Amino acid sequence: MEFLQTIRKLTNAYQSFEQISDKNIRKIGLTPGQFDVLATLGNQPPMSCKELAEKTLMVKGNLTVILDGLLKKGWISKNTNPNDARSTMISLTKDGDKFFVDIFYQHMNYLQPLADSFHENDLRELSLELSNFTTRLNKFIDSVNDKE
């Protein structure tokens, strides 16, 4: 049962971080989903809705609602993909980019004391272990999908 205990600890760690982060994001006036989209689009070339959904780990329905809200605020633009007219490309507007810079660095400053409480070597080791763990999970997913 060590495996399930590890999964539980990962979940608890994620939920704890989410509580810390979400509190500040909401003070900024955003939902966590809106922040995730703005942070994903920031300093990046335009991306398709599919790419954005993959990078934010959001389901399409939630992403659509978030994009509509950000579009109304004038922080993103939607344009037809020049390489595939069936696809839409999403990018930050000038106002969206300015807002992204303001909120992103404000949020990073908020999290800095937490980040400083960890030793870099510990974080590096944890990151490597999590990458290995994720690789094994993905291999299992592939093997299950191959059997179906």
C-alpha atoms as a PDB file:
ATOM      1  CA  MET A   1       0.000   0.000   0.000  1.00  0.00           C
ATOM      2  CA  GLU A   2       3.034   2.281  -0.122  1.00  0.00           C
ATOM      3  CA  PHE A   3       1.982   3.233  -3.647  1.00  0.00           C
ATOM      4  CA  LEU A   4      -1.427   4.508  -2.510  1.00  0.00           C
ATOM      5  CA  GLN A   5       0.129   6.373   0.417  1.00  0.00           C
ATOM      6  CA  THR A   6       2.507   8.066  -2.013  1.00  0.00           C
ATOM      7  CA  ILE A   7      -0.367   9.054  -4.304  1.00  0.00           C
ATOM      8  CA  ARG A   8      -2.186  10.468  -1.277  1.00  0.00           C
ATOM      9  CA  LYS A   9       0.874  12.510  -0.264  1.00  0.00           C
ATOM     10  CA  LEU A  10       1.217  13.861  -3.813  1.00  0.00           C
ATOM     11  CA  THR A  11      -2.453  14.828  -3.812  1.00  0.00           C
ATOM     12  CA  ASN A  12      -2.182  16.486  -0.404  1.00  0.00           C
ATOM     13  CA  ALA A  13       0.913  18.426  -1.486  1.00  0.00           C
ATOM     14  CA  TYR A  14      -0.840  19.614  -4.648  1.00  0.00           C
ATOM     15  CA  GLN A  15      -3.951  20.652  -2.731  1.00  0.00           C
ATOM     16  CA  SER A  16      -1.887  22.525  -0.143  1.00  0.00           C
ATOM     17  CA  PHE A  17      -0.005  24.417  -2.835  1.00  0.00           C
ATOM     18  CA  GLU A  18      -3.265  25.150  -4.636  1.00  0.00           C
ATOM     19  CA  GLN A  19      -4.706  26.681  -1.438  1.00  0.00           C
ATOM     20  CA  ILE A  20      -1.691  28.955  -1.059  1.00  0.00           C
ATOM     21  CA  SER A  21      -1.598  29.967  -4.707  1.00  0.00           C
ATOM     22  CA  ASP A  22      -5.346  30.303  -5.292  1.00  0.00           C
ATOM     23  CA  LYS A  23      -5.770  32.660  -2.341  1.00  0.00           C
ATOM     24  CA  ASN A  24      -3.409  35.182  -3.926  1.00  0.00           C
ATOM     25  CA  ILE A  25      -4.767  34.671  -7.444  1.00  0.00           C
ATOM     26  CA  ARG A  26      -8.268  35.474  -6.222  1.00  0.00           C
ATOM     27  CA  LYS A  27      -6.948  38.629  -4.483  1.00  0.00           C
ATOM     28  CA  ILE A  28      -5.640  39.712  -7.880  1.00  0.00           C
ATOM     29  CA  GLY A  29      -9.198  39.326  -9.184  1.00  0.00           C
ATOM     30  CA  LEU A  30      -8.779  36.176 -11.255  1.00  0.00           C
ATOM     31  CA  THR A  31      -9.908  32.607 -11.033  1.00  0.00           C
ATOM     32  CA  PRO A  32      -7.152  29.980 -10.957  1.00  0.00           C
ATOM     33  CA  GLY A  33      -8.184  28.929 -14.481  1.00  0.00           C
ATOM     34  CA  GLN A  34      -7.881  32.471 -15.813  1.00  0.00           C
ATOM     35  CA  PHE A  35      -4.453  32.840 -14.232  1.00  0.00           C
ATOM     36  CA  ASP A  36      -3.369  29.497 -15.695  1.00  0.00           C
ATOM     37  CA  VAL A  37      -4.385  30.559 -19.205  1.00  0.00           C
ATOM     38  CA  LEU A  38      -2.744  33.993 -18.925  1.00  0.00           C
ATOM     39  CA  ALA A  39       0.452  32.468 -17.506  1.00  0.00           C
ATOM     40  CA  THR A  40       0.505  29.830 -20.255  1.00  0.00           C
ATOM     41  CA  LEU A  41       0.043  32.418 -23.020  1.00  0.00           C
ATOM     42  CA  GLY A  42       2.489  34.907 -21.503  1.00  0.00           C
ATOM     43  CA  ASN A  43       5.747  35.331 -23.423  1.00  0.00           C
ATOM     44  CA  GLN A  44       4.664  32.620 -25.875  1.00  0.00           C
ATOM     45  CA  PRO A  45       3.667  32.661 -29.526  1.00  0.00           C
ATOM     46  CA  PRO A  46      -0.044  32.201 -30.288  1.00  0.00           C
ATOM     47  CA  MET A  47      -1.284  28.669 -29.738  1.00  0.00           C
ATOM     48  CA  SER A  48      -4.292  26.645 -30.768  1.00  0.00           C
ATOM     49  CA  CYS A  49      -7.077  25.831 -28.342  1.00  0.00           C
ATOM     50  CA  LYS A  50      -5.896  22.224 -28.402  1.00  0.00           C
ATOM     51  CA  GLU A  51      -2.344  23.206 -27.423  1.00  0.00           C
ATOM     52  CA  LEU A  52      -3.647  25.528 -24.725  1.00  0.00           C
ATOM     53  CA  ALA A  53      -5.897  22.795 -23.309  1.00  0.00           C
ATOM     54  CA  GLU A  54      -2.946  20.375 -23.208  1.00  0.00           C
ATOM     55  CA  LYS A  55      -0.627  22.863 -21.519  1.00  0.00           C
ATOM     56  CA  THR A  56      -3.191  23.968 -18.931  1.00  0.00           C
ATOM     57  CA  LEU A  57      -4.584  20.454 -18.434  1.00  0.00           C
ATOM     58  CA  MET A  58      -8.118  21.814 -18.862  1.00  0.00           C
ATOM     59  CA  VAL A  59     -11.065  20.156 -20.511  1.00  0.00           C
ATOM     60  CA  LYS A  60     -12.378  21.949 -23.571  1.00  0.00           C
ATOM     61  CA  GLY A  61     -15.657  23.086 -21.964  1.00  0.00           C
ATOM     62  CA  ASN A  62     -13.912  24.806 -19.052  1.00  0.00           C
ATOM     63  CA  LEU A  63     -11.332  26.349 -21.354  1.00  0.00           C
ATOM     64  CA  THR A  64     -14.039  27.779 -23.609  1.00  0.00           C
ATOM     65  CA  VAL A  65     -15.734  29.530 -20.682  1.00  0.00           C
ATOM     66  CA  ILE A  66     -12.413  30.937 -19.452  1.00  0.00           C
ATOM     67  CA  LEU A  67     -11.413  32.123 -22.928  1.00  0.00           C
ATOM     68  CA  ASP A  68     -14.763  33.845 -23.412  1.00  0.00           C
ATOM     69  CA  GLY A  69     -14.272  35.743 -20.132  1.00  0.00           C
ATOM     70  CA  LEU A  70     -10.720  36.780 -21.021  1.00  0.00           C
ATOM     71  CA  LEU A  71     -11.861  37.827 -24.491  1.00  0.00           C
ATOM     72  CA  LYS A  72     -14.547  40.092 -22.982  1.00  0.00           C
ATOM     73  CA  LYS A  73     -11.905  41.726 -20.777  1.00  0.00           C
ATOM     74  CA  GLY A  74      -9.771  42.366 -23.853  1.00  0.00           C
ATOM     75  CA  TRP A  75      -6.819  40.329 -22.596  1.00  0.00           C
ATOM     76  CA  ILE A  76      -6.764  37.715 -25.367  1.00  0.00           C
ATOM     77  CA  SER A  77      -7.507  37.584 -29.059  1.00  0.00           C
ATOM     78  CA  LYS A  78      -8.775  34.718 -31.187  1.00  0.00           C
ATOM     79  CA  ASN A  79      -7.667  34.510 -34.797  1.00  0.00           C
ATOM     80  CA  THR A  80      -8.005  31.912 -37.499  1.00  0.00           C
ATOM     81  CA  ASN A  81      -4.951  29.701 -37.758  1.00  0.00           C
ATOM     82  CA  PRO A  82      -3.177  30.678 -41.021  1.00  0.00           C
ATOM     83  CA  ASN A  83      -2.038  27.051 -41.443  1.00  0.00           C
ATOM     84  CA  ASP A  84      -5.437  25.462 -40.757  1.00  0.00           C
ATOM     85  CA  ALA A  85      -8.628  27.488 -41.156  1.00  0.00           C
ATOM     86  CA  ARG A  86     -10.511  24.987 -38.964  1.00  0.00           C
ATOM     87  CA  SER A  87      -8.371  25.957 -35.988  1.00  0.00           C
ATOM     88  CA  THR A  88      -8.296  29.097 -33.834  1.00  0.00           C
ATOM     89  CA  MET A  89      -5.120  30.639 -32.481  1.00  0.00           C
ATOM     90  CA  ILE A  90      -5.173  32.296 -29.067  1.00  0.00           C
ATOM     91  CA  SER A  91      -2.750  35.022 -27.977  1.00  0.00           C
ATOM     92  CA  LEU A  92      -2.501  37.822 -25.456  1.00  0.00           C
ATOM     93  CA  THR A  93      -3.442  41.327 -26.579  1.00  0.00           C
ATOM     94  CA  LYS A  94      -1.207  44.285 -25.651  1.00  0.00           C
ATOM     95  CA  ASP A  95      -3.438  44.912 -22.616  1.00  0.00           C
ATOM     96  CA  GLY A  96      -3.370  41.202 -21.814  1.00  0.00           C
ATOM     97  CA  ASP A  97       0.419  41.119 -22.035  1.00  0.00           C
ATOM     98  CA  LYS A  98       0.748  44.129 -19.732  1.00  0.00           C
ATOM     99  CA  PHE A  99      -1.698  42.561 -17.275  1.00  0.00           C
ATOM    100  CA  PHE A 100       0.171  39.232 -17.469  1.00  0.00           C
ATOM    101  CA  VAL A 101       3.500  40.880 -16.604  1.00  0.00           C
ATOM    102  CA  ASP A 102       1.941  42.719 -13.656  1.00  0.00           C
ATOM    103  CA  ILE A 103       0.125  39.739 -12.153  1.00  0.00           C
ATOM    104  CA  PHE A 104       2.697  37.069 -12.942  1.00  0.00           C
ATOM    105  CA  TYR A 105       5.544  38.815 -11.175  1.00  0.00           C
ATOM    106  CA  GLN A 106       3.248  39.877  -8.342  1.00  0.00           C
ATOM    107  CA  HIS A 107       2.270  36.227  -7.865  1.00  0.00           C
ATOM    108  CA  MET A 108       5.871  35.005  -8.090  1.00  0.00           C
ATOM    109  CA  ASN A 109       6.853  37.549  -5.422  1.00  0.00           C
ATOM    110  CA  TYR A 110       4.021  36.277  -3.243  1.00  0.00           C
ATOM    111  CA  LEU A 111       5.325  32.695  -3.593  1.00  0.00           C
ATOM    112  CA  GLN A 112       9.015  33.609  -3.136  1.00  0.00           C
ATOM    113  CA  PRO A 113       9.123  33.079   0.662  1.00  0.00           C
ATOM    114  CA  LEU A 114       7.695  29.598   0.122  1.00  0.00           C
ATOM    115  CA  ALA A 115      10.228  28.870  -2.626  1.00  0.00           C
ATOM    116  CA  ASP A 116      13.051  30.137  -0.410  1.00  0.00           C
ATOM    117  CA  SER A 117      12.055  27.664   2.307  1.00  0.00           C
ATOM    118  CA  PHE A 118      13.232  24.769   0.103  1.00  0.00           C
ATOM    119  CA  HIS A 119      16.814  23.812  -0.649  1.00  0.00           C
ATOM    120  CA  GLU A 120      17.568  23.744  -4.387  1.00  0.00           C
ATOM    121  CA  ASN A 121      19.116  20.268  -4.243  1.00  0.00           C
ATOM    122  CA  ASP A 122      15.993  18.904  -2.540  1.00  0.00           C
ATOM    123  CA  LEU A 123      13.811  20.436  -5.245  1.00  0.00           C
ATOM    124  CA  ARG A 124      16.057  19.062  -7.982  1.00  0.00           C
ATOM    125  CA  GLU A 125      15.883  15.556  -6.498  1.00  0.00           C
ATOM    126  CA  LEU A 126      12.120  15.768  -6.037  1.00  0.00           C
ATOM    127  CA  SER A 127      11.685  17.007  -9.601  1.00  0.00           C
ATOM    128  CA  LEU A 128      13.729  14.073 -10.930  1.00  0.00           C
ATOM    129  CA  GLU A 129      11.742  11.571  -8.854  1.00  0.00           C
ATOM    130  CA  LEU A 130       8.447  13.089 -10.009  1.00  0.00           C
ATOM    131  CA  SER A 131       9.600  12.899 -13.632  1.00  0.00           C
ATOM    132  CA  ASN A 132      10.463   9.232 -13.192  1.00  0.00           C
ATOM    133  CA  PHE A 133       7.142   8.611 -11.453  1.00  0.00           C
ATOM    134  CA  THR A 134       5.247  10.326 -14.281  1.00  0.00           C
ATOM    135  CA  THR A 135       7.151   8.321 -16.891  1.00  0.00           C
ATOM    136  CA  ARG A 136       6.054   5.086 -15.216  1.00  0.00           C
ATOM    137  CA  LEU A 137       2.457   6.281 -14.983  1.00  0.00           C
ATOM    138  CA  ASN A 138       2.473   7.173 -18.686  1.00  0.00           C
ATOM    139  CA  LYS A 139       3.943   3.791 -19.616  1.00  0.00           C
ATOM    140  CA  PHE A 140       1.155   2.129 -17.662  1.00  0.00           C
ATOM    141  CA  ILE A 141      -1.446   4.287 -19.423  1.00  0.00           C
ATOM    142  CA  ASP A 142       0.035   3.294 -22.790  1.00  0.00           C
ATOM    143  CA  SER A 143       0.024  -0.401 -21.905  1.00  0.00           C
ATOM    144  CA  VAL A 144      -3.613  -0.238 -20.776  1.00  0.00           C
ATOM    145  CA  ASN A 145      -4.585   1.659 -23.938  1.00  0.00           C
ATOM    146  CA  ASP A 146      -2.768  -0.896 -26.093  1.00  0.00           C
ATOM    147  CA  LYS A 147      -4.901  -3.693 -24.573  1.00  0.00           C
ATOM    148  CA  GLU A 148      -8.188  -1.942 -25.302  1.00  0.00           C
END
